[in-house]
Amino acid sequence: MSETDPHVHVEQGAVQAGAGFRNAIVSMLGLVPDAPSVVTTGCGIQVPYAMTSPHPESVTCLACREHACREHLSYAEQVERLSRMPGAPFTGDQVARAARWARDRAKRFSG
């Protein structure tokens, strides 16, 4: 971990980063996970959690932006693939909305 790194990074698990994901965990399990003090980033280094952001406009590390873009595109494909499995618990509209969200987010990270 470098204390001289001026960049804002994204967590390695970019799709699972942020308050939205933690809120989903809380609603499912009734437990509030603690935010870690140090995280591994998309570019592979460890930084304080405070030096990361799930918001594309805030991330200044190019390698992390590219990583987050790939992660969101992969998530969109995975959602669509899983929705085609027998017994999928999601409607076509829900799948389209989730995939569109992920692709829009990927575009924001790439821009």
C-alpha atoms as a PDB file:
ATOM      1  CA  MET A   1       0.000   0.000   0.000  1.00  0.00           C
ATOM      2  CA  SER A   2       1.469   3.304  -1.081  1.00  0.00           C
ATOM      3  CA  GLU A   3       0.651   6.389   0.941  1.00  0.00           C
ATOM      4  CA  THR A   4       1.835   8.618  -1.926  1.00  0.00           C
ATOM      5  CA  ASP A   5      -0.643   7.225  -4.477  1.00  0.00           C
ATOM      6  CA  PRO A   6      -2.901  10.164  -5.369  1.00  0.00           C
ATOM      7  CA  HIS A   7      -5.421   8.098  -7.360  1.00  0.00           C
ATOM      8  CA  VAL A   8      -8.941   7.071  -6.461  1.00  0.00           C
ATOM      9  CA  HIS A   9      -9.373   3.381  -7.239  1.00  0.00           C
ATOM     10  CA  VAL A  10     -12.208   0.892  -7.558  1.00  0.00           C
ATOM     11  CA  GLU A  11     -12.497  -2.279  -5.501  1.00  0.00           C
ATOM     12  CA  GLN A  12     -11.525  -5.512  -7.238  1.00  0.00           C
ATOM     13  CA  GLY A  13     -15.126  -6.752  -7.008  1.00  0.00           C
ATOM     14  CA  ALA A  14     -16.426  -3.605  -8.696  1.00  0.00           C
ATOM     15  CA  VAL A  15     -19.992  -4.833  -9.172  1.00  0.00           C
ATOM     16  CA  GLN A  16     -20.273  -5.748  -5.482  1.00  0.00           C
ATOM     17  CA  ALA A  17     -18.804  -2.461  -4.259  1.00  0.00           C
ATOM     18  CA  GLY A  18     -20.723   0.283  -2.581  1.00  0.00           C
ATOM     19  CA  ALA A  19     -23.715   0.881  -0.391  1.00  0.00           C
ATOM     20  CA  GLY A  20     -26.245  -0.693  -2.755  1.00  0.00           C
ATOM     21  CA  PHE A  21     -24.618  -4.102  -2.458  1.00  0.00           C
ATOM     22  CA  ARG A  22     -24.237  -3.797   1.326  1.00  0.00           C
ATOM     23  CA  ASN A  23     -27.939  -2.818   1.562  1.00  0.00           C
ATOM     24  CA  ALA A  24     -28.886  -5.950  -0.385  1.00  0.00           C
ATOM     25  CA  ILE A  25     -26.882  -8.080   2.067  1.00  0.00           C
ATOM     26  CA  VAL A  26     -28.612  -6.385   4.988  1.00  0.00           C
ATOM     27  CA  SER A  27     -32.071  -6.992   3.519  1.00  0.00           C
ATOM     28  CA  MET A  28     -31.290 -10.674   2.845  1.00  0.00           C
ATOM     29  CA  LEU A  29     -29.403 -11.581   6.023  1.00  0.00           C
ATOM     30  CA  GLY A  30     -30.354  -8.922   8.533  1.00  0.00           C
ATOM     31  CA  LEU A  31     -26.655  -8.334   9.223  1.00  0.00           C
ATOM     32  CA  VAL A  32     -24.682  -5.192   8.535  1.00  0.00           C
ATOM     33  CA  PRO A  33     -21.219  -5.980   7.124  1.00  0.00           C
ATOM     34  CA  ASP A  34     -18.392  -3.707   8.199  1.00  0.00           C
ATOM     35  CA  ALA A  35     -16.577  -1.764   5.530  1.00  0.00           C
ATOM     36  CA  PRO A  36     -13.001  -3.043   5.308  1.00  0.00           C
ATOM     37  CA  SER A  37     -10.152  -0.683   6.195  1.00  0.00           C
ATOM     38  CA  VAL A  38      -7.945  -1.863   3.299  1.00  0.00           C
ATOM     39  CA  VAL A  39      -9.109  -3.355  -0.022  1.00  0.00           C
ATOM     40  CA  THR A  40      -7.535  -4.852  -3.115  1.00  0.00           C
ATOM     41  CA  THR A  41      -8.236  -2.708  -6.149  1.00  0.00           C
ATOM     42  CA  GLY A  42      -8.974  -3.438  -9.779  1.00  0.00           C
ATOM     43  CA  CYS A  43      -5.362  -2.606 -10.639  1.00  0.00           C
ATOM     44  CA  GLY A  44      -4.147  -5.144  -8.082  1.00  0.00           C
ATOM     45  CA  ILE A  45      -2.789  -2.961  -5.284  1.00  0.00           C
ATOM     46  CA  GLN A  46      -4.056  -2.577  -1.746  1.00  0.00           C
ATOM     47  CA  VAL A  47      -5.271   0.836  -0.660  1.00  0.00           C
ATOM     48  CA  PRO A  48      -7.323   2.245   2.203  1.00  0.00           C
ATOM     49  CA  TYR A  49     -11.037   1.754   1.581  1.00  0.00           C
ATOM     50  CA  ALA A  50     -11.410   5.544   1.734  1.00  0.00           C
ATOM     51  CA  MET A  51      -9.314   5.806  -1.474  1.00  0.00           C
ATOM     52  CA  THR A  52     -11.874   3.832  -3.494  1.00  0.00           C
ATOM     53  CA  SER A  53     -15.163   4.780  -5.072  1.00  0.00           C
ATOM     54  CA  PRO A  54     -17.949   2.873  -6.845  1.00  0.00           C
ATOM     55  CA  HIS A  55     -18.762   6.048  -8.802  1.00  0.00           C
ATOM     56  CA  PRO A  56     -17.166   6.081 -12.283  1.00  0.00           C
ATOM     57  CA  GLU A  57     -16.707   9.848 -12.289  1.00  0.00           C
ATOM     58  CA  SER A  58     -14.609   9.681  -9.112  1.00  0.00           C
ATOM     59  CA  VAL A  59     -12.183   6.909 -10.148  1.00  0.00           C
ATOM     60  CA  THR A  60      -8.903   8.382 -11.417  1.00  0.00           C
ATOM     61  CA  CYS A  61      -6.838   5.182 -11.816  1.00  0.00           C
ATOM     62  CA  LEU A  62      -7.015   4.186 -15.490  1.00  0.00           C
ATOM     63  CA  ALA A  63      -6.325   0.504 -14.818  1.00  0.00           C
ATOM     64  CA  CYS A  64      -9.138   0.430 -12.247  1.00  0.00           C
ATOM     65  CA  ARG A  65     -11.524   2.121 -14.673  1.00  0.00           C
ATOM     66  CA  GLU A  66     -10.720  -0.502 -17.315  1.00  0.00           C
ATOM     67  CA  HIS A  67     -11.169  -3.292 -14.757  1.00  0.00           C
ATOM     68  CA  ALA A  68     -14.550  -1.934 -13.620  1.00  0.00           C
ATOM     69  CA  CYS A  69     -15.695  -1.619 -17.236  1.00  0.00           C
ATOM     70  CA  ARG A  70     -14.838  -5.278 -17.908  1.00  0.00           C
ATOM     71  CA  GLU A  71     -16.488  -6.396 -14.640  1.00  0.00           C
ATOM     72  CA  HIS A  72     -19.754  -4.634 -15.438  1.00  0.00           C
ATOM     73  CA  LEU A  73     -19.854  -5.978 -19.001  1.00  0.00           C
ATOM     74  CA  SER A  74     -19.212  -9.476 -17.671  1.00  0.00           C
ATOM     75  CA  TYR A  75     -21.988  -9.035 -15.109  1.00  0.00           C
ATOM     76  CA  ALA A  76     -24.461  -8.004 -17.837  1.00  0.00           C
ATOM     77  CA  GLU A  77     -23.606 -11.115 -19.856  1.00  0.00           C
ATOM     78  CA  GLN A  78     -23.873 -13.343 -16.787  1.00  0.00           C
ATOM     79  CA  VAL A  79     -27.305 -11.969 -15.861  1.00  0.00           C
ATOM     80  CA  GLU A  80     -28.572 -12.584 -19.386  1.00  0.00           C
ATOM     81  CA  ARG A  81     -27.089 -16.089 -19.499  1.00  0.00           C
ATOM     82  CA  LEU A  82     -28.539 -17.079 -16.114  1.00  0.00           C
ATOM     83  CA  SER A  83     -31.951 -15.712 -17.052  1.00  0.00           C
ATOM     84  CA  ARG A  84     -32.184 -18.250 -19.876  1.00  0.00           C
ATOM     85  CA  MET A  85     -31.841 -21.171 -17.476  1.00  0.00           C
ATOM     86  CA  PRO A  86     -34.990 -23.137 -16.618  1.00  0.00           C
ATOM     87  CA  GLY A  87     -36.667 -21.824 -13.485  1.00  0.00           C
ATOM     88  CA  ALA A  88     -34.919 -18.441 -13.537  1.00  0.00           C
ATOM     89  CA  PRO A  89     -36.604 -16.287 -10.882  1.00  0.00           C
ATOM     90  CA  PHE A  90     -36.412 -13.056 -12.902  1.00  0.00           C
ATOM     91  CA  THR A  91     -38.756 -11.594 -15.470  1.00  0.00           C
ATOM     92  CA  GLY A  92     -37.480 -10.540 -18.872  1.00  0.00           C
ATOM     93  CA  ASP A  93     -38.006  -6.908 -17.878  1.00  0.00           C
ATOM     94  CA  GLN A  94     -35.907  -7.323 -14.713  1.00  0.00           C
ATOM     95  CA  VAL A  95     -33.123  -8.978 -16.681  1.00  0.00           C
ATOM     96  CA  ALA A  96     -33.153  -6.270 -19.341  1.00  0.00           C
ATOM     97  CA  ARG A  97     -33.074  -3.555 -16.681  1.00  0.00           C
ATOM     98  CA  ALA A  98     -30.146  -5.155 -14.804  1.00  0.00           C
ATOM     99  CA  ALA A  99     -28.156  -5.731 -18.000  1.00  0.00           C
ATOM    100  CA  ARG A 100     -28.843  -2.188 -19.206  1.00  0.00           C
ATOM    101  CA  TRP A 101     -27.728  -0.786 -15.828  1.00  0.00           C
ATOM    102  CA  ALA A 102     -24.466  -2.769 -15.975  1.00  0.00           C
ATOM    103  CA  ARG A 103     -23.724  -1.774 -19.571  1.00  0.00           C
ATOM    104  CA  ASP A 104     -24.467   1.886 -18.837  1.00  0.00           C
ATOM    105  CA  ARG A 105     -22.159   1.730 -15.831  1.00  0.00           C
ATOM    106  CA  ALA A 106     -19.448   0.073 -17.943  1.00  0.00           C
ATOM    107  CA  LYS A 107     -19.764   2.877 -20.481  1.00  0.00           C
ATOM    108  CA  ARG A 108     -19.352   5.467 -17.718  1.00  0.00           C
ATOM    109  CA  PHE A 109     -16.156   3.733 -16.552  1.00  0.00           C
ATOM    110  CA  SER A 110     -14.779   3.601 -20.102  1.00  0.00           C
ATOM    111  CA  GLY A 111     -15.491   7.253 -20.867  1.00  0.00           C
END
